[in-house]
Structure formats: structure tokens, C-alpha cells
């Protein structure tokens, strides 16, 4: 007999990792690094971006911080 959608959902939660479980290693993303530099160099241009890009950058920077990666604000390569 096929499980109900609710049973399938419950099984998925039962198999998921608990909060605070080990996270996968941080992977730098070139697009996000370009957004970080753009925000620093051209804040007026960055301000016109949509909320999706700004929120994604916030999550990316939080992941960097949790991984212990220091900011390299002196690096202005494009």
C-alpha cells in the first residue's frame, strides 16, 4: 500500500538532520563575490537590485562568517 502524503512528509522529517548538525563545507561563489564587491564600490547601483539578490547575499555572507572566512575588503579585483 502506498503511504499517504502526510506519512511521506513525516518520514522526510524523521530522516532530516537536527538543527545544529554538521553543515557541508562552505563553497565560495564567484557571482556572490562580485555582488559583494559591487555593493562596496557602487552602493547606489546595488541599492537598485531586487530583494532576492540582497537576501541571497546576506545568506552567503552569513555562511562565510560561520565558516570563519575573513573579509578581504582590500581585494578589489574584478
C-alpha atoms as a PDB file:
ATOM      1  CA  UNK A   1       0.000   0.000   0.000  1.00  0.00           C
ATOM      2  CA  UNK A   2       1.292   3.447  -0.942  1.00  0.00           C
ATOM      3  CA  UNK A   3       1.956   5.769   2.037  1.00  0.00           C
ATOM      4  CA  UNK A   4      -0.177   8.886   2.353  1.00  0.00           C
ATOM      5  CA  UNK A   5       1.379  12.289   1.584  1.00  0.00           C
ATOM      6  CA  UNK A   6       1.386  13.063   5.307  1.00  0.00           C
ATOM      7  CA  UNK A   7       3.284   9.846   6.078  1.00  0.00           C
ATOM      8  CA  UNK A   8       5.788  10.650   3.331  1.00  0.00           C
ATOM      9  CA  UNK A   9       6.310  14.135   4.766  1.00  0.00           C
ATOM     10  CA  UNK A  10       6.725  12.777   8.305  1.00  0.00           C
ATOM     11  CA  UNK A  11       9.293  10.236   7.090  1.00  0.00           C
ATOM     12  CA  UNK A  12      11.248  13.034   5.424  1.00  0.00           C
ATOM     13  CA  UNK A  13      11.389  14.988   8.671  1.00  0.00           C
ATOM     14  CA  UNK A  14      12.401  11.880  10.590  1.00  0.00           C
ATOM     15  CA  UNK A  15      15.372  11.384   8.248  1.00  0.00           C
ATOM     16  CA  UNK A  16      16.455  15.026   8.219  1.00  0.00           C
ATOM     17  CA  UNK A  17      19.383  16.243  10.281  1.00  0.00           C
ATOM     18  CA  UNK A  18      18.580  18.012  13.544  1.00  0.00           C
ATOM     19  CA  UNK A  19      19.307  21.734  13.919  1.00  0.00           C
ATOM     20  CA  UNK A  20      22.985  22.306  14.568  1.00  0.00           C
ATOM     21  CA  UNK A  21      24.069  19.197  12.680  1.00  0.00           C
ATOM     22  CA  UNK A  22      27.271  19.425  10.701  1.00  0.00           C
ATOM     23  CA  UNK A  23      26.905  21.628   7.650  1.00  0.00           C
ATOM     24  CA  UNK A  24      28.559  20.952   4.307  1.00  0.00           C
ATOM     25  CA  UNK A  25      31.807  22.885   3.814  1.00  0.00           C
ATOM     26  CA  UNK A  26      31.478  26.440   2.560  1.00  0.00           C
ATOM     27  CA  UNK A  27      31.963  26.798  -1.196  1.00  0.00           C
ATOM     28  CA  UNK A  28      32.910  30.271  -2.482  1.00  0.00           C
ATOM     29  CA  UNK A  29      30.695  31.507  -5.296  1.00  0.00           C
ATOM     30  CA  UNK A  30      32.129  33.888  -7.915  1.00  0.00           C
ATOM     31  CA  UNK A  31      28.763  35.578  -8.549  1.00  0.00           C
ATOM     32  CA  UNK A  32      28.266  36.362  -4.876  1.00  0.00           C
ATOM     33  CA  UNK A  33      31.818  37.639  -4.549  1.00  0.00           C
ATOM     34  CA  UNK A  34      31.148  40.020  -7.451  1.00  0.00           C
ATOM     35  CA  UNK A  35      27.965  41.205  -5.706  1.00  0.00           C
ATOM     36  CA  UNK A  36      29.955  41.840  -2.519  1.00  0.00           C
ATOM     37  CA  UNK A  37      32.468  43.961  -4.417  1.00  0.00           C
ATOM     38  CA  UNK A  38      29.702  45.817  -6.268  1.00  0.00           C
ATOM     39  CA  UNK A  39      27.945  46.657  -3.007  1.00  0.00           C
ATOM     40  CA  UNK A  40      31.189  48.014  -1.568  1.00  0.00           C
ATOM     41  CA  UNK A  41      32.242  50.012  -4.666  1.00  0.00           C
ATOM     42  CA  UNK A  42      28.863  51.071  -6.120  1.00  0.00           C
ATOM     43  CA  UNK A  43      26.302  51.170  -3.287  1.00  0.00           C
ATOM     44  CA  UNK A  44      23.828  53.216  -5.363  1.00  0.00           C
ATOM     45  CA  UNK A  45      23.828  50.561  -8.110  1.00  0.00           C
ATOM     46  CA  UNK A  46      23.484  47.748  -5.581  1.00  0.00           C
ATOM     47  CA  UNK A  47      20.547  49.551  -3.926  1.00  0.00           C
ATOM     48  CA  UNK A  48      18.559  49.210  -7.163  1.00  0.00           C
ATOM     49  CA  UNK A  49      18.872  45.425  -7.136  1.00  0.00           C
ATOM     50  CA  UNK A  50      15.872  43.340  -6.155  1.00  0.00           C
ATOM     51  CA  UNK A  51      15.353  41.940  -2.696  1.00  0.00           C
ATOM     52  CA  UNK A  52      16.186  38.421  -3.894  1.00  0.00           C
ATOM     53  CA  UNK A  53      19.792  39.374  -4.664  1.00  0.00           C
ATOM     54  CA  UNK A  54      20.173  41.319  -1.423  1.00  0.00           C
ATOM     55  CA  UNK A  55      18.744  38.481   0.685  1.00  0.00           C
ATOM     56  CA  UNK A  56      20.866  35.878  -1.113  1.00  0.00           C
ATOM     57  CA  UNK A  57      23.976  37.966  -0.481  1.00  0.00           C
ATOM     58  CA  UNK A  58      23.069  38.208   3.206  1.00  0.00           C
ATOM     59  CA  UNK A  59      22.777  34.425   3.490  1.00  0.00           C
ATOM     60  CA  UNK A  60      26.043  33.993   1.579  1.00  0.00           C
ATOM     61  CA  UNK A  61      27.888  36.398   3.886  1.00  0.00           C
ATOM     62  CA  UNK A  62      26.473  34.667   6.959  1.00  0.00           C
ATOM     63  CA  UNK A  63      27.735  31.329   5.606  1.00  0.00           C
ATOM     64  CA  UNK A  64      31.165  32.896   5.050  1.00  0.00           C
ATOM     65  CA  UNK A  65      31.174  34.199   8.607  1.00  0.00           C
ATOM     66  CA  UNK A  66      30.158  30.822  10.057  1.00  0.00           C
ATOM     67  CA  UNK A  67      32.890  29.127   8.027  1.00  0.00           C
ATOM     68  CA  UNK A  68      35.416  31.506   9.591  1.00  0.00           C
ATOM     69  CA  UNK A  69      36.415  33.140   6.306  1.00  0.00           C
ATOM     70  CA  UNK A  70      37.757  36.623   6.890  1.00  0.00           C
ATOM     71  CA  UNK A  71      36.584  39.547   4.814  1.00  0.00           C
ATOM     72  CA  UNK A  72      39.020  40.546   2.127  1.00  0.00           C
ATOM     73  CA  UNK A  73      37.755  44.087   1.586  1.00  0.00           C
ATOM     74  CA  UNK A  74      41.186  45.137   0.371  1.00  0.00           C
ATOM     75  CA  UNK A  75      40.844  42.810  -2.645  1.00  0.00           C
ATOM     76  CA  UNK A  76      39.378  44.886  -5.493  1.00  0.00           C
ATOM     77  CA  UNK A  77      39.983  42.510  -8.378  1.00  0.00           C
ATOM     78  CA  UNK A  78      37.091  42.212 -10.806  1.00  0.00           C
END
